[in-house]
Amino acid sequence: YEDASEEEKDYAAAFASFPNISWKGHCMYCSHCAPCP
């Protein structure tokens, strides 16, 4: 994990596609919102 890329660590896309779970409206601190101008 210590040498993994940000893409390999990224859980947001997986969570957003969970069949049984929705995280809608809840900030997961995943930083997909970046970069901010």
PDB file of all heavy atoms in Angstrom:
ATOM      1  N   TYR A   1       0.828  -1.209   0.000  1.00  0.00           N
ATOM      2  CA  TYR A   1       0.000   0.000   0.000  1.00  0.00           C
ATOM      3  C   TYR A   1       0.859   1.255   0.000  1.00  0.00           C
ATOM      4  O   TYR A   1       0.515   2.264  -0.625  1.00  0.00           O
ATOM      5  CB  TYR A   1      -0.924  -0.004   1.220  1.00  0.00           C
ATOM      6  CG  TYR A   1      -1.653   1.302   1.452  1.00  0.00           C
ATOM      7  CD1 TYR A   1      -2.862   1.559   0.808  1.00  0.00           C
ATOM      8  CD2 TYR A   1      -1.138   2.273   2.314  1.00  0.00           C
ATOM      9  CE1 TYR A   1      -3.540   2.764   1.013  1.00  0.00           C
ATOM     10  CE2 TYR A   1      -1.804   3.472   2.522  1.00  0.00           C
ATOM     11  CZ  TYR A   1      -3.001   3.713   1.869  1.00  0.00           C
ATOM     12  OH  TYR A   1      -3.651   4.899   2.070  1.00  0.00           O
ATOM     13  N   GLU A   2       1.970   1.199   0.701  1.00  0.00           N
ATOM     14  CA  GLU A   2       2.830   2.376   0.840  1.00  0.00           C
ATOM     15  C   GLU A   2       3.384   2.850  -0.499  1.00  0.00           C
ATOM     16  O   GLU A   2       3.710   4.030  -0.656  1.00  0.00           O
ATOM     17  CB  GLU A   2       3.974   2.074   1.814  1.00  0.00           C
ATOM     18  CG  GLU A   2       3.520   1.839   3.243  1.00  0.00           C
ATOM     19  CD  GLU A   2       2.840   3.058   3.840  1.00  0.00           C
ATOM     20  OE1 GLU A   2       3.520   4.065   4.104  1.00  0.00           O
ATOM     21  OE2 GLU A   2       1.612   3.025   4.028  1.00  0.00           O
ATOM     22  N   ASP A   3       3.516   1.960  -1.457  1.00  0.00           N
ATOM     23  CA  ASP A   3       4.044   2.329  -2.773  1.00  0.00           C
ATOM     24  C   ASP A   3       2.971   2.348  -3.853  1.00  0.00           C
ATOM     25  O   ASP A   3       3.270   2.549  -5.032  1.00  0.00           O
ATOM     26  CB  ASP A   3       5.153   1.342  -3.189  1.00  0.00           C
ATOM     27  CG  ASP A   3       6.357   1.401  -2.260  1.00  0.00           C
ATOM     28  OD1 ASP A   3       6.767   2.521  -1.907  1.00  0.00           O
ATOM     29  OD2 ASP A   3       6.854   0.334  -1.857  1.00  0.00           O
ATOM     30  N   ALA A   4       1.720   2.139  -3.467  1.00  0.00           N
ATOM     31  CA  ALA A   4       0.639   2.098  -4.450  1.00  0.00           C
ATOM     32  C   ALA A   4       0.353   3.500  -4.984  1.00  0.00           C
ATOM     33  O   ALA A   4       0.557   4.507  -4.298  1.00  0.00           O
ATOM     34  CB  ALA A   4      -0.622   1.515  -3.819  1.00  0.00           C
ATOM     35  N   SER A   5      -0.135   3.542  -6.217  1.00  0.00           N
ATOM     36  CA  SER A   5      -0.504   4.822  -6.828  1.00  0.00           C
ATOM     37  C   SER A   5      -1.836   5.297  -6.259  1.00  0.00           C
ATOM     38  O   SER A   5      -2.580   4.527  -5.637  1.00  0.00           O
ATOM     39  CB  SER A   5      -0.628   4.654  -8.344  1.00  0.00           C
ATOM     40  OG  SER A   5      -1.726   3.793  -8.652  1.00  0.00           O
ATOM     41  N   GLU A   6      -2.137   6.562  -6.482  1.00  0.00           N
ATOM     42  CA  GLU A   6      -3.420   7.094  -6.040  1.00  0.00           C
ATOM     43  C   GLU A   6      -4.570   6.354  -6.713  1.00  0.00           C
ATOM     44  O   GLU A   6      -5.629   6.154  -6.113  1.00  0.00           O
ATOM     45  CB  GLU A   6      -3.500   8.590  -6.321  1.00  0.00           C
ATOM     46  CG  GLU A   6      -2.563   9.431  -5.464  1.00  0.00           C
ATOM     47  CD  GLU A   6      -2.764   9.213  -3.968  1.00  0.00           C
ATOM     48  OE1 GLU A   6      -3.933   9.250  -3.517  1.00  0.00           O
ATOM     49  OE2 GLU A   6      -1.765   8.988  -3.258  1.00  0.00           O
ATOM     50  N   GLU A   7      -4.372   5.963  -7.949  1.00  0.00           N
ATOM     51  CA  GLU A   7      -5.397   5.219  -8.680  1.00  0.00           C
ATOM     52  C   GLU A   7      -5.649   3.862  -8.038  1.00  0.00           C
ATOM     53  O   GLU A   7      -6.794   3.404  -7.948  1.00  0.00           O
ATOM     54  CB  GLU A   7      -4.993   5.037 -10.138  1.00  0.00           C
ATOM     55  CG  GLU A   7      -5.018   6.290 -10.993  1.00  0.00           C
ATOM     56  CD  GLU A   7      -3.837   7.220 -10.699  1.00  0.00           C
ATOM     57  OE1 GLU A   7      -2.825   6.762 -10.130  1.00  0.00           O
ATOM     58  OE2 GLU A   7      -3.946   8.416 -11.046  1.00  0.00           O
ATOM     59  N   GLU A   8      -4.589   3.210  -7.575  1.00  0.00           N
ATOM     60  CA  GLU A   8      -4.733   1.899  -6.938  1.00  0.00           C
ATOM     61  C   GLU A   8      -5.407   2.002  -5.571  1.00  0.00           C
ATOM     62  O   GLU A   8      -6.094   1.080  -5.145  1.00  0.00           O
ATOM     63  CB  GLU A   8      -3.362   1.235  -6.791  1.00  0.00           C
ATOM     64  CG  GLU A   8      -2.760   0.799  -8.119  1.00  0.00           C
ATOM     65  CD  GLU A   8      -1.324   0.329  -7.971  1.00  0.00           C
ATOM     66  OE1 GLU A   8      -0.527   1.006  -7.287  1.00  0.00           O
ATOM     67  OE2 GLU A   8      -0.991  -0.723  -8.562  1.00  0.00           O
ATOM     68  N   LYS A   9      -5.219   3.132  -4.894  1.00  0.00           N
ATOM     69  CA  LYS A   9      -5.833   3.331  -3.581  1.00  0.00           C
ATOM     70  C   LYS A   9      -7.283   3.801  -3.688  1.00  0.00           C
ATOM     71  O   LYS A   9      -8.058   3.630  -2.752  1.00  0.00           O
ATOM     72  CB  LYS A   9      -5.041   4.378  -2.790  1.00  0.00           C
ATOM     73  CG  LYS A   9      -3.624   3.975  -2.426  1.00  0.00           C
ATOM     74  CD  LYS A   9      -2.930   5.129  -1.718  1.00  0.00           C
ATOM     75  CE  LYS A   9      -1.503   4.791  -1.358  1.00  0.00           C
ATOM     76  NZ  LYS A   9      -0.816   5.938  -0.698  1.00  0.00           N
ATOM     77  N   ASP A  10      -7.627   4.386  -4.805  1.00  0.00           N
ATOM     78  CA  ASP A  10      -8.914   5.050  -4.973  1.00  0.00           C
ATOM     79  C   ASP A  10     -10.086   4.085  -4.784  1.00  0.00           C
ATOM     80  O   ASP A  10     -10.194   3.082  -5.480  1.00  0.00           O
ATOM     81  CB  ASP A  10      -8.968   5.670  -6.366  1.00  0.00           C
ATOM     82  CG  ASP A  10     -10.262   6.409  -6.620  1.00  0.00           C
ATOM     83  OD1 ASP A  10     -10.913   6.815  -5.636  1.00  0.00           O
ATOM     84  OD2 ASP A  10     -10.635   6.566  -7.794  1.00  0.00           O
ATOM     85  N   TYR A  11     -10.942   4.420  -3.834  1.00  0.00           N
ATOM     86  CA  TYR A  11     -12.108   3.575  -3.569  1.00  0.00           C
ATOM     87  C   TYR A  11     -13.409   4.202  -4.066  1.00  0.00           C
ATOM     88  O   TYR A  11     -14.459   3.570  -4.050  1.00  0.00           O
ATOM     89  CB  TYR A  11     -12.247   3.294  -2.067  1.00  0.00           C
ATOM     90  CG  TYR A  11     -12.171   4.518  -1.177  1.00  0.00           C
ATOM     91  CD1 TYR A  11     -13.233   5.416  -1.092  1.00  0.00           C
ATOM     92  CD2 TYR A  11     -11.044   4.786  -0.410  1.00  0.00           C
ATOM     93  CE1 TYR A  11     -13.172   6.531  -0.284  1.00  0.00           C
ATOM     94  CE2 TYR A  11     -10.972   5.908   0.400  1.00  0.00           C
ATOM     95  CZ  TYR A  11     -12.033   6.779   0.461  1.00  0.00           C
ATOM     96  OH  TYR A  11     -11.970   7.886   1.260  1.00  0.00           O
ATOM     97  N   ALA A  12     -13.351   5.449  -4.510  1.00  0.00           N
ATOM     98  CA  ALA A  12     -14.581   6.179  -4.819  1.00  0.00           C
ATOM     99  C   ALA A  12     -15.387   5.533  -5.929  1.00  0.00           C
ATOM    100  O   ALA A  12     -16.603   5.352  -5.816  1.00  0.00           O
ATOM    101  CB  ALA A  12     -14.248   7.627  -5.183  1.00  0.00           C
ATOM    102  N   ALA A  13     -14.732   5.189  -7.026  1.00  0.00           N
ATOM    103  CA  ALA A  13     -15.459   4.606  -8.158  1.00  0.00           C
ATOM    104  C   ALA A  13     -16.097   3.282  -7.763  1.00  0.00           C
ATOM    105  O   ALA A  13     -17.239   2.989  -8.146  1.00  0.00           O
ATOM    106  CB  ALA A  13     -14.517   4.415  -9.338  1.00  0.00           C
ATOM    107  N   ALA A  14     -15.367   2.495  -6.973  1.00  0.00           N
ATOM    108  CA  ALA A  14     -15.908   1.204  -6.525  1.00  0.00           C
ATOM    109  C   ALA A  14     -17.130   1.416  -5.634  1.00  0.00           C
ATOM    110  O   ALA A  14     -18.152   0.754  -5.790  1.00  0.00           O
ATOM    111  CB  ALA A  14     -14.830   0.407  -5.790  1.00  0.00           C
ATOM    112  N   PHE A  15     -17.030   2.357  -4.699  1.00  0.00           N
ATOM    113  CA  PHE A  15     -18.141   2.619  -3.793  1.00  0.00           C
ATOM    114  C   PHE A  15     -19.367   3.121  -4.551  1.00  0.00           C
ATOM    115  O   PHE A  15     -20.496   2.744  -4.247  1.00  0.00           O
ATOM    116  CB  PHE A  15     -17.743   3.671  -2.750  1.00  0.00           C
ATOM    117  CG  PHE A  15     -16.828   3.164  -1.673  1.00  0.00           C
ATOM    118  CD1 PHE A  15     -16.174   1.941  -1.787  1.00  0.00           C
ATOM    119  CD2 PHE A  15     -16.603   3.917  -0.538  1.00  0.00           C
ATOM    120  CE1 PHE A  15     -15.316   1.494  -0.794  1.00  0.00           C
ATOM    121  CE2 PHE A  15     -15.753   3.472   0.472  1.00  0.00           C
ATOM    122  CZ  PHE A  15     -15.111   2.257   0.332  1.00  0.00           C
ATOM    123  N   ALA A  16     -19.126   3.977  -5.531  1.00  0.00           N
ATOM    124  CA  ALA A  16     -20.242   4.550  -6.277  1.00  0.00           C
ATOM    125  C   ALA A  16     -20.989   3.498  -7.093  1.00  0.00           C
ATOM    126  O   ALA A  16     -22.146   3.697  -7.460  1.00  0.00           O
ATOM    127  CB  ALA A  16     -19.734   5.654  -7.194  1.00  0.00           C
ATOM    128  N   SER A  17     -20.322   2.372  -7.355  1.00  0.00           N
ATOM    129  CA  SER A  17     -20.947   1.323  -8.163  1.00  0.00           C
ATOM    130  C   SER A  17     -21.432   0.136  -7.345  1.00  0.00           C
ATOM    131  O   SER A  17     -21.857  -0.874  -7.901  1.00  0.00           O
ATOM    132  CB  SER A  17     -19.955   0.827  -9.227  1.00  0.00           C
ATOM    133  OG  SER A  17     -18.851   0.188  -8.618  1.00  0.00           O
ATOM    134  N   PHE A  18     -21.381   0.249  -6.003  1.00  0.00           N
ATOM    135  CA  PHE A  18     -21.854  -0.850  -5.163  1.00  0.00           C
ATOM    136  C   PHE A  18     -23.330  -1.144  -5.457  1.00  0.00           C
ATOM    137  O   PHE A  18     -24.164  -0.226  -5.386  1.00  0.00           O
ATOM    138  CB  PHE A  18     -21.725  -0.494  -3.675  1.00  0.00           C
ATOM    139  CG  PHE A  18     -20.366  -0.716  -3.082  1.00  0.00           C
ATOM    140  CD1 PHE A  18     -20.081  -0.236  -1.818  1.00  0.00           C
ATOM    141  CD2 PHE A  18     -19.380  -1.406  -3.759  1.00  0.00           C
ATOM    142  CE1 PHE A  18     -18.837  -0.429  -1.240  1.00  0.00           C
ATOM    143  CE2 PHE A  18     -18.128  -1.604  -3.196  1.00  0.00           C
ATOM    144  CZ  PHE A  18     -17.862  -1.121  -1.935  1.00  0.00           C
ATOM    145  N   PRO A  19     -23.681  -2.381  -5.743  1.00  0.00           N
ATOM    146  CA  PRO A  19     -25.096  -2.715  -5.969  1.00  0.00           C
ATOM    147  C   PRO A  19     -25.972  -2.543  -4.738  1.00  0.00           C
ATOM    148  O   PRO A  19     -27.148  -2.200  -4.851  1.00  0.00           O
ATOM    149  CB  PRO A  19     -25.051  -4.194  -6.393  1.00  0.00           C
ATOM    150  CG  PRO A  19     -23.643  -4.444  -6.816  1.00  0.00           C
ATOM    151  CD  PRO A  19     -22.805  -3.534  -5.968  1.00  0.00           C
ATOM    152  N   ASN A  20     -25.408  -2.788  -3.547  1.00  0.00           N
ATOM    153  CA  ASN A  20     -26.232  -2.837  -2.329  1.00  0.00           C
ATOM    154  C   ASN A  20     -26.177  -1.581  -1.472  1.00  0.00           C
ATOM    155  O   ASN A  20     -26.860  -1.486  -0.464  1.00  0.00           O
ATOM    156  CB  ASN A  20     -25.799  -4.022  -1.460  1.00  0.00           C
ATOM    157  CG  ASN A  20     -25.922  -5.347  -2.175  1.00  0.00           C
ATOM    158  OD1 ASN A  20     -26.554  -5.429  -3.218  1.00  0.00           O
ATOM    159  ND2 ASN A  20     -25.306  -6.384  -1.627  1.00  0.00           N
ATOM    160  N   ILE A  21     -25.317  -0.615  -1.847  1.00  0.00           N
ATOM    161  CA  ILE A  21     -25.046   0.512  -0.965  1.00  0.00           C
ATOM    162  C   ILE A  21     -24.988   1.812  -1.769  1.00  0.00           C
ATOM    163  O   ILE A  21     -24.455   1.834  -2.866  1.00  0.00           O
ATOM    164  CB  ILE A  21     -23.698   0.320  -0.224  1.00  0.00           C
ATOM    165  CG1 ILE A  21     -23.758  -0.905   0.695  1.00  0.00           C
ATOM    166  CG2 ILE A  21     -23.333   1.554   0.591  1.00  0.00           C
ATOM    167  CD1 ILE A  21     -22.410  -1.330   1.224  1.00  0.00           C
ATOM    168  N   SER A  22     -25.529   2.878  -1.187  1.00  0.00           N
ATOM    169  CA  SER A  22     -25.392   4.201  -1.791  1.00  0.00           C
ATOM    170  C   SER A  22     -24.785   5.161  -0.773  1.00  0.00           C
ATOM    171  O   SER A  22     -25.218   5.199   0.377  1.00  0.00           O
ATOM    172  CB  SER A  22     -26.751   4.743  -2.234  1.00  0.00           C
ATOM    173  OG  SER A  22     -26.641   6.106  -2.608  1.00  0.00           O
ATOM    174  N   TRP A  23     -23.784   5.924  -1.207  1.00  0.00           N
ATOM    175  CA  TRP A  23     -23.163   6.925  -0.349  1.00  0.00           C
ATOM    176  C   TRP A  23     -23.554   8.331  -0.807  1.00  0.00           C
ATOM    177  O   TRP A  23     -22.853   9.301  -0.536  1.00  0.00           O
ATOM    178  CB  TRP A  23     -21.642   6.783  -0.385  1.00  0.00           C
ATOM    179  CG  TRP A  23     -21.142   5.511   0.196  1.00  0.00           C
ATOM    180  CD1 TRP A  23     -20.884   4.359  -0.471  1.00  0.00           C
ATOM    181  CD2 TRP A  23     -20.825   5.254   1.569  1.00  0.00           C
ATOM    182  NE1 TRP A  23     -20.432   3.394   0.400  1.00  0.00           N
ATOM    183  CE2 TRP A  23     -20.387   3.922   1.659  1.00  0.00           C
ATOM    184  CE3 TRP A  23     -20.874   6.030   2.733  1.00  0.00           C
ATOM    185  CZ2 TRP A  23     -19.996   3.340   2.848  1.00  0.00           C
ATOM    186  CZ3 TRP A  23     -20.481   5.449   3.922  1.00  0.00           C
ATOM    187  CH2 TRP A  23     -20.046   4.117   3.980  1.00  0.00           C
ATOM    188  N   LYS A  24     -24.682   8.458  -1.491  1.00  0.00           N
ATOM    189  CA  LYS A  24     -25.097   9.729  -2.085  1.00  0.00           C
ATOM    190  C   LYS A  24     -25.152  10.853  -1.044  1.00  0.00           C
ATOM    191  O   LYS A  24     -25.738  10.717   0.013  1.00  0.00           O
ATOM    192  CB  LYS A  24     -26.470   9.575  -2.748  1.00  0.00           C
ATOM    193  CG  LYS A  24     -26.934  10.820  -3.501  1.00  0.00           C
ATOM    194  CD  LYS A  24     -28.255  10.551  -4.220  1.00  0.00           C
ATOM    195  CE  LYS A  24     -28.736  11.794  -4.964  1.00  0.00           C
ATOM    196  NZ  LYS A  24     -30.006  11.542  -5.685  1.00  0.00           N
ATOM    197  N   GLY A  25     -24.514  11.955  -1.372  1.00  0.00           N
ATOM    198  CA  GLY A  25     -24.543  13.132  -0.533  1.00  0.00           C
ATOM    199  C   GLY A  25     -23.596  13.118   0.645  1.00  0.00           C
ATOM    200  O   GLY A  25     -23.531  14.087   1.402  1.00  0.00           O
ATOM    201  N   HIS A  26     -22.840  12.037   0.787  1.00  0.00           N
ATOM    202  CA  HIS A  26     -21.964  11.877   1.956  1.00  0.00           C
ATOM    203  C   HIS A  26     -20.510  12.014   1.532  1.00  0.00           C
ATOM    204  O   HIS A  26     -20.025  11.250   0.703  1.00  0.00           O
ATOM    205  CB  HIS A  26     -22.194  10.508   2.588  1.00  0.00           C
ATOM    206  CG  HIS A  26     -21.520  10.342   3.918  1.00  0.00           C
ATOM    207  ND1 HIS A  26     -22.179  10.543   5.113  1.00  0.00           N
ATOM    208  CD2 HIS A  26     -20.245  10.036   4.239  1.00  0.00           C
ATOM    209  CE1 HIS A  26     -21.333  10.341   6.105  1.00  0.00           C
ATOM    210  NE2 HIS A  26     -20.161  10.030   5.597  1.00  0.00           N
ATOM    211  N   CYS A  27     -19.806  12.993   2.085  1.00  0.00           N
ATOM    212  CA  CYS A  27     -18.397  13.172   1.736  1.00  0.00           C
ATOM    213  C   CYS A  27     -17.571  12.018   2.290  1.00  0.00           C
ATOM    214  O   CYS A  27     -17.610  11.728   3.489  1.00  0.00           O
ATOM    215  CB  CYS A  27     -17.866  14.489   2.294  1.00  0.00           C
ATOM    216  SG  CYS A  27     -16.131  14.777   1.863  1.00  0.00           S
ATOM    217  N   MET A  28     -16.834  11.365   1.398  1.00  0.00           N
ATOM    218  CA  MET A  28     -16.009  10.224   1.790  1.00  0.00           C
ATOM    219  C   MET A  28     -14.541  10.605   1.941  1.00  0.00           C
ATOM    220  O   MET A  28     -13.690   9.753   2.122  1.00  0.00           O
ATOM    221  CB  MET A  28     -16.146   9.111   0.736  1.00  0.00           C
ATOM    222  CG  MET A  28     -17.569   8.614   0.548  1.00  0.00           C
ATOM    223  SD  MET A  28     -18.239   7.897   2.042  1.00  0.00           S
ATOM    224  CE  MET A  28     -17.186   6.475   2.199  1.00  0.00           C
ATOM    225  N   TYR A  29     -14.222  11.915   1.817  1.00  0.00           N
ATOM    226  CA  TYR A  29     -12.850  12.408   1.930  1.00  0.00           C
ATOM    227  C   TYR A  29     -11.934  11.749   0.896  1.00  0.00           C
ATOM    228  O   TYR A  29     -10.760  11.491   1.156  1.00  0.00           O
ATOM    229  CB  TYR A  29     -12.296  12.193   3.347  1.00  0.00           C
ATOM    230  CG  TYR A  29     -13.223  12.632   4.450  1.00  0.00           C
ATOM    231  CD1 TYR A  29     -13.549  11.775   5.487  1.00  0.00           C
ATOM    232  CD2 TYR A  29     -13.786  13.907   4.455  1.00  0.00           C
ATOM    233  CE1 TYR A  29     -14.418  12.179   6.501  1.00  0.00           C
ATOM    234  CE2 TYR A  29     -14.650  14.313   5.463  1.00  0.00           C
ATOM    235  CZ  TYR A  29     -14.956  13.442   6.480  1.00  0.00           C
ATOM    236  OH  TYR A  29     -15.811  13.845   7.472  1.00  0.00           O
ATOM    237  N   CYS A  30     -12.498  11.439  -0.278  1.00  0.00           N
ATOM    238  CA  CYS A  30     -11.744  10.701  -1.298  1.00  0.00           C
ATOM    239  C   CYS A  30     -10.938  11.616  -2.208  1.00  0.00           C
ATOM    240  O   CYS A  30     -10.109  11.149  -2.990  1.00  0.00           O
ATOM    241  CB  CYS A  30     -12.684   9.843  -2.143  1.00  0.00           C
ATOM    242  SG  CYS A  30     -13.807  10.790  -3.215  1.00  0.00           S
ATOM    243  N   SER A  31     -11.193  12.947  -2.151  1.00  0.00           N
ATOM    244  CA  SER A  31     -10.469  13.970  -2.924  1.00  0.00           C
ATOM    245  C   SER A  31     -10.702  13.901  -4.426  1.00  0.00           C
ATOM    246  O   SER A  31      -9.916  14.457  -5.197  1.00  0.00           O
ATOM    247  CB  SER A  31      -8.959  13.910  -2.618  1.00  0.00           C
ATOM    248  OG  SER A  31      -8.725  14.264  -1.263  1.00  0.00           O
ATOM    249  N   HIS A  32     -11.765  13.251  -4.857  1.00  0.00           N
ATOM    250  CA  HIS A  32     -12.088  13.268  -6.278  1.00  0.00           C
ATOM    251  C   HIS A  32     -12.502  14.651  -6.739  1.00  0.00           C
ATOM    252  O   HIS A  32     -12.515  14.931  -7.940  1.00  0.00           O
ATOM    253  CB  HIS A  32     -13.211  12.264  -6.588  1.00  0.00           C
ATOM    254  CG  HIS A  32     -12.697  10.930  -7.010  1.00  0.00           C
ATOM    255  ND1 HIS A  32     -12.831  10.441  -8.276  1.00  0.00           N
ATOM    256  CD2 HIS A  32     -12.007   9.993  -6.328  1.00  0.00           C
ATOM    257  CE1 HIS A  32     -12.275   9.258  -8.364  1.00  0.00           C
ATOM    258  NE2 HIS A  32     -11.762   8.954  -7.181  1.00  0.00           N
ATOM    259  N   CYS A  33     -12.853  15.512  -5.802  1.00  0.00           N
ATOM    260  CA  CYS A  33     -13.253  16.875  -6.147  1.00  0.00           C
ATOM    261  C   CYS A  33     -12.073  17.703  -6.651  1.00  0.00           C
ATOM    262  O   CYS A  33     -12.254  18.727  -7.311  1.00  0.00           O
ATOM    263  CB  CYS A  33     -13.874  17.550  -4.936  1.00  0.00           C
ATOM    264  SG  CYS A  33     -12.903  17.339  -3.422  1.00  0.00           S
ATOM    265  N   ALA A  34     -10.852  17.303  -6.341  1.00  0.00           N
ATOM    266  CA  ALA A  34      -9.654  18.029  -6.763  1.00  0.00           C
ATOM    267  C   ALA A  34      -9.419  17.813  -8.272  1.00  0.00           C
ATOM    268  O   ALA A  34      -9.891  16.823  -8.845  1.00  0.00           O
ATOM    269  CB  ALA A  34      -8.455  17.545  -5.957  1.00  0.00           C
ATOM    270  N   PRO A  35      -8.701  18.753  -8.927  1.00  0.00           N
ATOM    271  CA  PRO A  35      -8.063  19.939  -8.352  1.00  0.00           C
ATOM    272  C   PRO A  35      -9.009  21.124  -8.300  1.00  0.00           C
ATOM    273  O   PRO A  35      -9.852  21.300  -9.172  1.00  0.00           O
ATOM    274  CB  PRO A  35      -6.918  20.201  -9.325  1.00  0.00           C
ATOM    275  CG  PRO A  35      -7.450  19.737 -10.647  1.00  0.00           C
ATOM    276  CD  PRO A  35      -8.323  18.541 -10.345  1.00  0.00           C
ATOM    277  N   CYS A  36      -8.833  21.931  -7.264  1.00  0.00           N
ATOM    278  CA  CYS A  36      -9.601  23.156  -7.124  1.00  0.00           C
ATOM    279  C   CYS A  36      -8.803  24.301  -7.747  1.00  0.00           C
ATOM    280  O   CYS A  36      -7.584  24.401  -7.519  1.00  0.00           O
ATOM    281  CB  CYS A  36      -9.830  23.436  -5.640  1.00  0.00           C
ATOM    282  SG  CYS A  36     -10.478  25.081  -5.269  1.00  0.00           S
ATOM    283  N   PRO A  37      -9.430  25.168  -8.540  1.00  0.00           N
ATOM    284  CA  PRO A  37      -8.690  26.275  -9.158  1.00  0.00           C
ATOM    285  C   PRO A  37      -8.067  27.221  -8.129  1.00  0.00           C
ATOM    286  O   PRO A  37      -7.099  27.920  -8.434  1.00  0.00           O
ATOM    287  CB  PRO A  37      -9.750  26.986 -10.006  1.00  0.00           C
ATOM    288  CG  PRO A  37     -11.061  26.559  -9.467  1.00  0.00           C
ATOM    289  CD  PRO A  37     -10.856  25.180  -8.947  1.00  0.00           C
TER     290      PRO A  37
END
